[in-house]
Amino acid sequence: NRQSSRRLQNMGFTPDGSLWVLARGGQLQFS
């Protein structure tokens, strides 16, 4: 499941293997 009410726009991997996610409204988050 997504982590907030904002719809997910795109996702990928960081150099250390974590995830990054871009969501609607200009939000960026790292796992």
Full PDB file with SEQRES, HELIX, SHEET, SSBOND, CRYST1, ORIGX, SCALE, CONECT and MASTER records, all heavy atoms in Angstrom:
SEQRES   1 A   31  ASN ARG GLN SER SER ARG ARG LEU GLN ASN MET GLY PHE          
SEQRES   2 A   31  THR PRO ASP GLY SER LEU TRP VAL LEU ALA ARG GLY GLY          
SEQRES   3 A   31  GLN LEU GLN PHE SER                                          
SHEET    1 AA1 3 LEU A   8  PHE A  13  0                                        
SHEET    2 AA1 3 LEU A  19  ALA A  23 -1                                        
SHEET    3 AA1 3 GLN A  27  PHE A  30 -1                                        
CRYST1    1.000    1.000    1.000  90.00  90.00  90.00 P 1           1          
ORIGX1      1.000000  0.000000  0.000000        0.00000                         
ORIGX2      0.000000  1.000000  0.000000        0.00000                         
ORIGX3      0.000000  0.000000  1.000000        0.00000                         
SCALE1      1.000000  0.000000  0.000000        0.00000                         
SCALE2      0.000000  1.000000  0.000000        0.00000                         
SCALE3      0.000000  0.000000  1.000000        0.00000                         
ATOM      1  N   ASN A   1       0.827  -1.195   0.000  1.00  0.00           N  
ATOM      2  CA  ASN A   1       0.000   0.000   0.000  1.00  0.00           C  
ATOM      3  C   ASN A   1       0.864   1.249   0.000  1.00  0.00           C  
ATOM      4  O   ASN A   1       1.967   1.257   0.544  1.00  0.00           O  
ATOM      5  CB  ASN A   1      -0.923   0.022   1.223  1.00  0.00           C  
ATOM      6  CG  ASN A   1      -1.992  -1.059   1.168  1.00  0.00           C  
ATOM      7  OD1 ASN A   1      -2.525  -1.347   0.100  1.00  0.00           O  
ATOM      8  ND2 ASN A   1      -2.287  -1.656   2.313  1.00  0.00           N  
ATOM      9  N   ARG A   2       0.356   2.316  -0.592  1.00  0.00           N  
ATOM     10  CA  ARG A   2       1.052   3.603  -0.531  1.00  0.00           C  
ATOM     11  C   ARG A   2       1.000   4.119   0.898  1.00  0.00           C  
ATOM     12  O   ARG A   2       0.156   3.702   1.705  1.00  0.00           O  
ATOM     13  CB  ARG A   2       0.421   4.595  -1.500  1.00  0.00           C  
ATOM     14  CG  ARG A   2      -1.009   4.957  -1.170  1.00  0.00           C  
ATOM     15  CD  ARG A   2      -1.640   5.757  -2.279  1.00  0.00           C  
ATOM     16  NE  ARG A   2      -2.995   6.185  -1.925  1.00  0.00           N  
ATOM     17  CZ  ARG A   2      -3.890   6.609  -2.794  1.00  0.00           C  
ATOM     18  NH1 ARG A   2      -3.586   6.653  -4.078  1.00  0.00           N  
ATOM     19  NH2 ARG A   2      -5.090   6.993  -2.396  1.00  0.00           N  
ATOM     20  N   GLN A   3       1.897   5.064   1.197  1.00  0.00           N  
ATOM     21  CA  GLN A   3       2.066   5.515   2.568  1.00  0.00           C  
ATOM     22  C   GLN A   3       1.206   6.720   2.938  1.00  0.00           C  
ATOM     23  O   GLN A   3       1.154   7.105   4.095  1.00  0.00           O  
ATOM     24  CB  GLN A   3       3.538   5.854   2.813  1.00  0.00           C  
ATOM     25  CG  GLN A   3       4.478   4.670   2.644  1.00  0.00           C  
ATOM     26  CD  GLN A   3       4.123   3.533   3.572  1.00  0.00           C  
ATOM     27  OE1 GLN A   3       4.075   3.692   4.782  1.00  0.00           O  
ATOM     28  NE2 GLN A   3       3.862   2.362   2.998  1.00  0.00           N  
ATOM     29  N   SER A   4       0.546   7.342   1.971  1.00  0.00           N  
ATOM     30  CA  SER A   4      -0.302   8.501   2.256  1.00  0.00           C  
ATOM     31  C   SER A   4      -1.459   8.511   1.281  1.00  0.00           C  
ATOM     32  O   SER A   4      -1.601   7.621   0.437  1.00  0.00           O  
ATOM     33  CB  SER A   4       0.510   9.793   2.139  1.00  0.00           C  
ATOM     34  OG  SER A   4       0.791  10.080   0.780  1.00  0.00           O  
ATOM     35  N   SER A   5      -2.300   9.545   1.383  1.00  0.00           N  
ATOM     36  CA  SER A   5      -3.440   9.670   0.485  1.00  0.00           C  
ATOM     37  C   SER A   5      -3.035  10.162  -0.902  1.00  0.00           C  
ATOM     38  O   SER A   5      -3.830  10.120  -1.839  1.00  0.00           O  
ATOM     39  CB  SER A   5      -4.472  10.634   1.082  1.00  0.00           C  
ATOM     40  OG  SER A   5      -3.898  11.920   1.262  1.00  0.00           O  
ATOM     41  N   ARG A   6      -1.805  10.623  -1.045  1.00  0.00           N  
ATOM     42  CA  ARG A   6      -1.341  11.136  -2.330  1.00  0.00           C  
ATOM     43  C   ARG A   6      -1.070   9.982  -3.297  1.00  0.00           C  
ATOM     44  O   ARG A   6      -0.421   8.995  -2.931  1.00  0.00           O  
ATOM     45  CB  ARG A   6      -0.067  11.966  -2.147  1.00  0.00           C  
ATOM     46  CG  ARG A   6      -0.269  13.214  -1.293  1.00  0.00           C  
ATOM     47  CD  ARG A   6       1.061  13.871  -1.010  1.00  0.00           C  
ATOM     48  NE  ARG A   6       0.917  15.033  -0.149  1.00  0.00           N  
ATOM     49  CZ  ARG A   6       0.789  16.279  -0.585  1.00  0.00           C  
ATOM     50  NH1 ARG A   6       0.804  16.517  -1.881  1.00  0.00           N  
ATOM     51  NH2 ARG A   6       0.647  17.278   0.253  1.00  0.00           N  
ATOM     52  N   ARG A   7      -1.523  10.131  -4.523  1.00  0.00           N  
ATOM     53  CA  ARG A   7      -1.287   9.092  -5.519  1.00  0.00           C  
ATOM     54  C   ARG A   7       0.190   9.075  -5.927  1.00  0.00           C  
ATOM     55  O   ARG A   7       0.830  10.113  -6.054  1.00  0.00           O  
ATOM     56  CB  ARG A   7      -2.168   9.326  -6.746  1.00  0.00           C  
ATOM     57  CG  ARG A   7      -3.645   9.090  -6.467  1.00  0.00           C  
ATOM     58  CD  ARG A   7      -4.461   9.089  -7.737  1.00  0.00           C  
ATOM     59  NE  ARG A   7      -5.871   8.849  -7.459  1.00  0.00           N  
ATOM     60  CZ  ARG A   7      -6.422   7.647  -7.323  1.00  0.00           C  
ATOM     61  NH1 ARG A   7      -5.657   6.572  -7.464  1.00  0.00           N  
ATOM     62  NH2 ARG A   7      -7.702   7.496  -7.076  1.00  0.00           N  
ATOM     63  N   LEU A   8       0.696   7.879  -6.123  1.00  0.00           N  
ATOM     64  CA  LEU A   8       2.095   7.707  -6.485  1.00  0.00           C  
ATOM     65  C   LEU A   8       2.306   8.083  -7.952  1.00  0.00           C  
ATOM     66  O   LEU A   8       1.498   7.754  -8.809  1.00  0.00           O  
ATOM     67  CB  LEU A   8       2.525   6.263  -6.247  1.00  0.00           C  
ATOM     68  CG  LEU A   8       2.226   5.686  -4.863  1.00  0.00           C  
ATOM     69  CD1 LEU A   8       2.711   4.249  -4.771  1.00  0.00           C  
ATOM     70  CD2 LEU A   8       2.854   6.540  -3.767  1.00  0.00           C  
ATOM     71  N   GLN A   9       3.419   8.754  -8.219  1.00  0.00           N  
ATOM     72  CA  GLN A   9       3.741   9.185  -9.571  1.00  0.00           C  
ATOM     73  C   GLN A   9       4.837   8.315 -10.194  1.00  0.00           C  
ATOM     74  O   GLN A   9       4.746   7.905 -11.335  1.00  0.00           O  
ATOM     75  CB  GLN A   9       4.184  10.649  -9.561  1.00  0.00           C  
ATOM     76  CG  GLN A   9       4.334  11.282 -10.926  1.00  0.00           C  
ATOM     77  CD  GLN A   9       2.996  11.509 -11.594  1.00  0.00           C  
ATOM     78  OE1 GLN A   9       2.018  11.890 -10.951  1.00  0.00           O  
ATOM     79  NE2 GLN A   9       2.927  11.263 -12.897  1.00  0.00           N  
ATOM     80  N   ASN A  10       5.883   8.045  -9.414  1.00  0.00           N  
ATOM     81  CA  ASN A  10       7.027   7.284  -9.927  1.00  0.00           C  
ATOM     82  C   ASN A  10       7.819   6.750  -8.746  1.00  0.00           C  
ATOM     83  O   ASN A  10       7.784   7.328  -7.650  1.00  0.00           O  
ATOM     84  CB  ASN A  10       7.901   8.174 -10.810  1.00  0.00           C  
ATOM     85  CG  ASN A  10       8.852   7.385 -11.690  1.00  0.00           C  
ATOM     86  OD1 ASN A  10       8.882   6.155 -11.663  1.00  0.00           O  
ATOM     87  ND2 ASN A  10       9.651   8.085 -12.479  1.00  0.00           N  
ATOM     88  N   MET A  11       8.552   5.650  -8.972  1.00  0.00           N  
ATOM     89  CA  MET A  11       9.397   5.067  -7.927  1.00  0.00           C  
ATOM     90  C   MET A  11      10.672   4.534  -8.551  1.00  0.00           C  
ATOM     91  O   MET A  11      10.735   4.229  -9.740  1.00  0.00           O  
ATOM     92  CB  MET A  11       8.665   3.938  -7.186  1.00  0.00           C  
ATOM     93  CG  MET A  11       7.460   4.389  -6.397  1.00  0.00           C  
ATOM     94  SD  MET A  11       6.694   3.049  -5.428  1.00  0.00           S  
ATOM     95  CE  MET A  11       7.951   2.778  -4.160  1.00  0.00           C  
ATOM     96  N   GLY A  12      11.699   4.403  -7.712  1.00  0.00           N  
ATOM     97  CA  GLY A  12      12.967   3.842  -8.153  1.00  0.00           C  
ATOM     98  C   GLY A  12      13.820   3.483  -6.956  1.00  0.00           C  
ATOM     99  O   GLY A  12      13.361   3.512  -5.809  1.00  0.00           O  
ATOM    100  N   PHE A  13      15.083   3.162  -7.227  1.00  0.00           N  
ATOM    101  CA  PHE A  13      15.994   2.693  -6.189  1.00  0.00           C  
ATOM    102  C   PHE A  13      17.113   3.699  -5.956  1.00  0.00           C  
ATOM    103  O   PHE A  13      17.643   4.292  -6.900  1.00  0.00           O  
ATOM    104  CB  PHE A  13      16.594   1.341  -6.588  1.00  0.00           C  
ATOM    105  CG  PHE A  13      15.580   0.237  -6.687  1.00  0.00           C  
ATOM    106  CD1 PHE A  13      14.978  -0.072  -7.902  1.00  0.00           C  
ATOM    107  CD2 PHE A  13      15.216  -0.487  -5.564  1.00  0.00           C  
ATOM    108  CE1 PHE A  13      14.038  -1.081  -8.005  1.00  0.00           C  
ATOM    109  CE2 PHE A  13      14.278  -1.506  -5.647  1.00  0.00           C  
ATOM    110  CZ  PHE A  13      13.681  -1.801  -6.868  1.00  0.00           C  
ATOM    111  N   THR A  14      17.482   3.875  -4.692  1.00  0.00           N  
ATOM    112  CA  THR A  14      18.613   4.721  -4.324  1.00  0.00           C  
ATOM    113  C   THR A  14      19.906   3.916  -4.465  1.00  0.00           C  
ATOM    114  O   THR A  14      19.869   2.689  -4.602  1.00  0.00           O  
ATOM    115  CB  THR A  14      18.480   5.220  -2.881  1.00  0.00           C  
ATOM    116  OG1 THR A  14      18.643   4.101  -1.987  1.00  0.00           O  
ATOM    117  CG2 THR A  14      17.122   5.861  -2.640  1.00  0.00           C  
ATOM    118  N   PRO A  15      21.073   4.570  -4.420  1.00  0.00           N  
ATOM    119  CA  PRO A  15      22.333   3.819  -4.534  1.00  0.00           C  
ATOM    120  C   PRO A  15      22.523   2.743  -3.471  1.00  0.00           C  
ATOM    121  O   PRO A  15      23.221   1.754  -3.706  1.00  0.00           O  
ATOM    122  CB  PRO A  15      23.397   4.919  -4.416  1.00  0.00           C  
ATOM    123  CG  PRO A  15      22.730   6.141  -4.947  1.00  0.00           C  
ATOM    124  CD  PRO A  15      21.309   6.025  -4.476  1.00  0.00           C  
ATOM    125  N   ASP A  16      21.899   2.908  -2.280  1.00  0.00           N  
ATOM    126  CA  ASP A  16      22.072   1.904  -1.224  1.00  0.00           C  
ATOM    127  C   ASP A  16      20.969   0.849  -1.239  1.00  0.00           C  
ATOM    128  O   ASP A  16      20.886   0.013  -0.329  1.00  0.00           O  
ATOM    129  CB  ASP A  16      22.155   2.574   0.148  1.00  0.00           C  
ATOM    130  CG  ASP A  16      20.841   3.220   0.587  1.00  0.00           C  
ATOM    131  OD1 ASP A  16      19.862   3.172  -0.195  1.00  0.00           O  
ATOM    132  OD2 ASP A  16      20.794   3.776   1.697  1.00  0.00           O  
ATOM    133  N   GLY A  17      20.114   0.869  -2.269  1.00  0.00           N  
ATOM    134  CA  GLY A  17      19.082  -0.147  -2.389  1.00  0.00           C  
ATOM    135  C   GLY A  17      17.755   0.202  -1.752  1.00  0.00           C  
ATOM    136  O   GLY A  17      16.809  -0.594  -1.818  1.00  0.00           O  
ATOM    137  N   SER A  18      17.638   1.385  -1.135  1.00  0.00           N  
ATOM    138  CA  SER A  18      16.353   1.832  -0.618  1.00  0.00           C  
ATOM    139  C   SER A  18      15.463   2.264  -1.776  1.00  0.00           C  
ATOM    140  O   SER A  18      15.895   2.312  -2.932  1.00  0.00           O  
ATOM    141  CB  SER A  18      16.535   3.003   0.360  1.00  0.00           C  
ATOM    142  OG  SER A  18      17.384   2.648   1.426  1.00  0.00           O  
ATOM    143  N   LEU A  19      14.220   2.598  -1.455  1.00  0.00           N  
ATOM    144  CA  LEU A  19      13.286   3.078  -2.457  1.00  0.00           C  
ATOM    145  C   LEU A  19      13.114   4.591  -2.349  1.00  0.00           C  
ATOM    146  O   LEU A  19      13.173   5.150  -1.255  1.00  0.00           O  
ATOM    147  CB  LEU A  19      11.916   2.424  -2.271  1.00  0.00           C  
ATOM    148  CG  LEU A  19      11.808   0.936  -2.581  1.00  0.00           C  
ATOM    149  CD1 LEU A  19      10.467   0.404  -2.085  1.00  0.00           C  
ATOM    150  CD2 LEU A  19      11.938   0.679  -4.084  1.00  0.00           C  
ATOM    151  N   TRP A  20      12.896   5.241  -3.474  1.00  0.00           N  
ATOM    152  CA  TRP A  20      12.395   6.616  -3.469  1.00  0.00           C  
ATOM    153  C   TRP A  20      11.056   6.619  -4.182  1.00  0.00           C  
ATOM    154  O   TRP A  20      10.799   5.794  -5.059  1.00  0.00           O  
ATOM    155  CB  TRP A  20      13.362   7.599  -4.134  1.00  0.00           C  
ATOM    156  CG  TRP A  20      13.725   7.307  -5.563  1.00  0.00           C  
ATOM    157  CD1 TRP A  20      14.870   6.719  -6.024  1.00  0.00           C  
ATOM    158  CD2 TRP A  20      12.942   7.611  -6.745  1.00  0.00           C  
ATOM    159  NE1 TRP A  20      14.851   6.627  -7.401  1.00  0.00           N  
ATOM    160  CE2 TRP A  20      13.684   7.164  -7.867  1.00  0.00           C  
ATOM    161  CE3 TRP A  20      11.700   8.208  -6.960  1.00  0.00           C  
ATOM    162  CZ2 TRP A  20      13.213   7.304  -9.185  1.00  0.00           C  
ATOM    163  CZ3 TRP A  20      11.230   8.345  -8.266  1.00  0.00           C  
ATOM    164  CH2 TRP A  20      11.992   7.908  -9.354  1.00  0.00           C  
ATOM    165  N   VAL A  21      10.190   7.547  -3.776  1.00  0.00           N  
ATOM    166  CA  VAL A  21       8.874   7.661  -4.405  1.00  0.00           C  
ATOM    167  C   VAL A  21       8.537   9.132  -4.582  1.00  0.00           C  
ATOM    168  O   VAL A  21       8.762   9.951  -3.689  1.00  0.00           O  
ATOM    169  CB  VAL A  21       7.782   6.946  -3.579  1.00  0.00           C  
ATOM    170  CG1 VAL A  21       7.700   7.486  -2.163  1.00  0.00           C  
ATOM    171  CG2 VAL A  21       6.428   7.065  -4.271  1.00  0.00           C  
ATOM    172  N   LEU A  22       8.028   9.459  -5.762  1.00  0.00           N  
ATOM    173  CA  LEU A  22       7.470  10.776  -6.041  1.00  0.00           C  
ATOM    174  C   LEU A  22       5.953  10.632  -6.063  1.00  0.00           C  
ATOM    175  O   LEU A  22       5.423   9.750  -6.739  1.00  0.00           O  
ATOM    176  CB  LEU A  22       7.959  11.306  -7.384  1.00  0.00           C  
ATOM    177  CG  LEU A  22       9.454  11.593  -7.500  1.00  0.00           C  
ATOM    178  CD1 LEU A  22       9.823  11.937  -8.940  1.00  0.00           C  
ATOM    179  CD2 LEU A  22       9.873  12.724  -6.567  1.00  0.00           C  
ATOM    180  N   ALA A  23       5.274  11.493  -5.302  1.00  0.00           N  
ATOM    181  CA  ALA A  23       3.819  11.453  -5.235  1.00  0.00           C  
ATOM    182  C   ALA A  23       3.237  12.783  -5.688  1.00  0.00           C  
ATOM    183  O   ALA A  23       3.948  13.786  -5.824  1.00  0.00           O  
ATOM    184  CB  ALA A  23       3.368  11.120  -3.813  1.00  0.00           C  
ATOM    185  N   ARG A  24       1.942  12.796  -5.924  1.00  0.00           N  
ATOM    186  CA  ARG A  24       1.261  14.006  -6.362  1.00  0.00           C  
ATOM    187  C   ARG A  24       1.523  15.152  -5.383  1.00  0.00           C  
ATOM    188  O   ARG A  24       1.670  14.933  -4.179  1.00  0.00           O  
ATOM    189  CB  ARG A  24      -0.242  13.756  -6.481  1.00  0.00           C  
ATOM    190  CG  ARG A  24      -0.622  12.728  -7.550  1.00  0.00           C  
ATOM    191  CD  ARG A  24      -0.467  13.284  -8.953  1.00  0.00           C  
ATOM    192  NE  ARG A  24      -0.809  12.294  -9.968  1.00  0.00           N  
ATOM    193  CZ  ARG A  24      -2.032  12.091 -10.422  1.00  0.00           C  
ATOM    194  NH1 ARG A  24      -3.050  12.785  -9.933  1.00  0.00           N  
ATOM    195  NH2 ARG A  24      -2.256  11.188 -11.364  1.00  0.00           N  
ATOM    196  N   GLY A  25       1.527  16.361  -5.911  1.00  0.00           N  
ATOM    197  CA  GLY A  25       1.749  17.522  -5.057  1.00  0.00           C  
ATOM    198  C   GLY A  25       3.204  17.795  -4.759  1.00  0.00           C  
ATOM    199  O   GLY A  25       3.519  18.546  -3.831  1.00  0.00           O  
ATOM    200  N   GLY A  26       4.113  17.188  -5.530  1.00  0.00           N  
ATOM    201  CA  GLY A  26       5.533  17.475  -5.341  1.00  0.00           C  
ATOM    202  C   GLY A  26       6.157  16.826  -4.130  1.00  0.00           C  
ATOM    203  O   GLY A  26       7.155  17.325  -3.593  1.00  0.00           O  
ATOM    204  N   GLN A  27       5.611  15.704  -3.676  1.00  0.00           N  
ATOM    205  CA  GLN A  27       6.141  15.029  -2.489  1.00  0.00           C  
ATOM    206  C   GLN A  27       7.186  13.983  -2.866  1.00  0.00           C  
ATOM    207  O   GLN A  27       7.013  13.227  -3.813  1.00  0.00           O  
ATOM    208  CB  GLN A  27       5.014  14.355  -1.710  1.00  0.00           C  
ATOM    209  CG  GLN A  27       5.490  13.583  -0.472  1.00  0.00           C  
ATOM    210  CD  GLN A  27       4.349  12.940   0.274  1.00  0.00           C  
ATOM    211  OE1 GLN A  27       3.545  13.619   0.905  1.00  0.00           O  
ATOM    212  NE2 GLN A  27       4.239  11.616   0.175  1.00  0.00           N  
ATOM    213  N   LEU A  28       8.268  13.941  -2.087  1.00  0.00           N  
ATOM    214  CA  LEU A  28       9.344  12.964  -2.240  1.00  0.00           C  
ATOM    215  C   LEU A  28       9.544  12.250  -0.915  1.00  0.00           C  
ATOM    216  O   LEU A  28       9.541  12.871   0.147  1.00  0.00           O  
ATOM    217  CB  LEU A  28      10.642  13.672  -2.659  1.00  0.00           C  
ATOM    218  CG  LEU A  28      11.942  12.863  -2.607  1.00  0.00           C  
ATOM    219  CD1 LEU A  28      11.903  11.689  -3.577  1.00  0.00           C  
ATOM    220  CD2 LEU A  28      13.137  13.768  -2.896  1.00  0.00           C  
ATOM    221  N   GLN A  29       9.716  10.936  -0.976  1.00  0.00           N  
ATOM    222  CA  GLN A  29       9.897  10.162   0.244  1.00  0.00           C  
ATOM    223  C   GLN A  29      10.858   9.013  -0.007  1.00  0.00           C  
ATOM    224  O   GLN A  29      10.920   8.466  -1.116  1.00  0.00           O  
ATOM    225  CB  GLN A  29       8.545   9.633   0.735  1.00  0.00           C  
ATOM    226  CG  GLN A  29       8.507   9.258   2.201  1.00  0.00           C  
ATOM    227  CD  GLN A  29       7.067   9.038   2.688  1.00  0.00           C  
ATOM    228  OE1 GLN A  29       6.115   9.064   1.910  1.00  0.00           O  
ATOM    229  NE2 GLN A  29       6.904   8.831   3.988  1.00  0.00           N  
ATOM    230  N   PHE A  30      11.615   8.646   1.036  1.00  0.00           N  
ATOM    231  CA  PHE A  30      12.583   7.555   0.955  1.00  0.00           C  
ATOM    232  C   PHE A  30      12.219   6.478   1.966  1.00  0.00           C  
ATOM    233  O   PHE A  30      11.783   6.775   3.085  1.00  0.00           O  
ATOM    234  CB  PHE A  30      14.001   8.054   1.246  1.00  0.00           C  
ATOM    235  CG  PHE A  30      14.502   9.066   0.261  1.00  0.00           C  
ATOM    236  CD1 PHE A  30      14.407  10.422   0.529  1.00  0.00           C  
ATOM    237  CD2 PHE A  30      15.072   8.667  -0.940  1.00  0.00           C  
ATOM    238  CE1 PHE A  30      14.867  11.365  -0.372  1.00  0.00           C  
ATOM    239  CE2 PHE A  30      15.537   9.594  -1.849  1.00  0.00           C  
ATOM    240  CZ  PHE A  30      15.428  10.947  -1.562  1.00  0.00           C  
ATOM    241  N   SER A  31      12.435   5.220   1.574  1.00  0.00           N  
ATOM    242  CA  SER A  31      12.195   4.119   2.501  1.00  0.00           C  
ATOM    243  C   SER A  31      13.449   3.836   3.312  1.00  0.00           C  
ATOM    244  O   SER A  31      14.551   4.273   2.972  1.00  0.00           O  
ATOM    245  CB  SER A  31      11.788   2.854   1.732  1.00  0.00           C  
ATOM    246  OG  SER A  31      12.927   2.260   1.105  1.00  0.00           O  
TER     247      SER A  31                                                      
MASTER        0    0    0    0    3    0    0    6  246    1    0    3          
END                                                                             
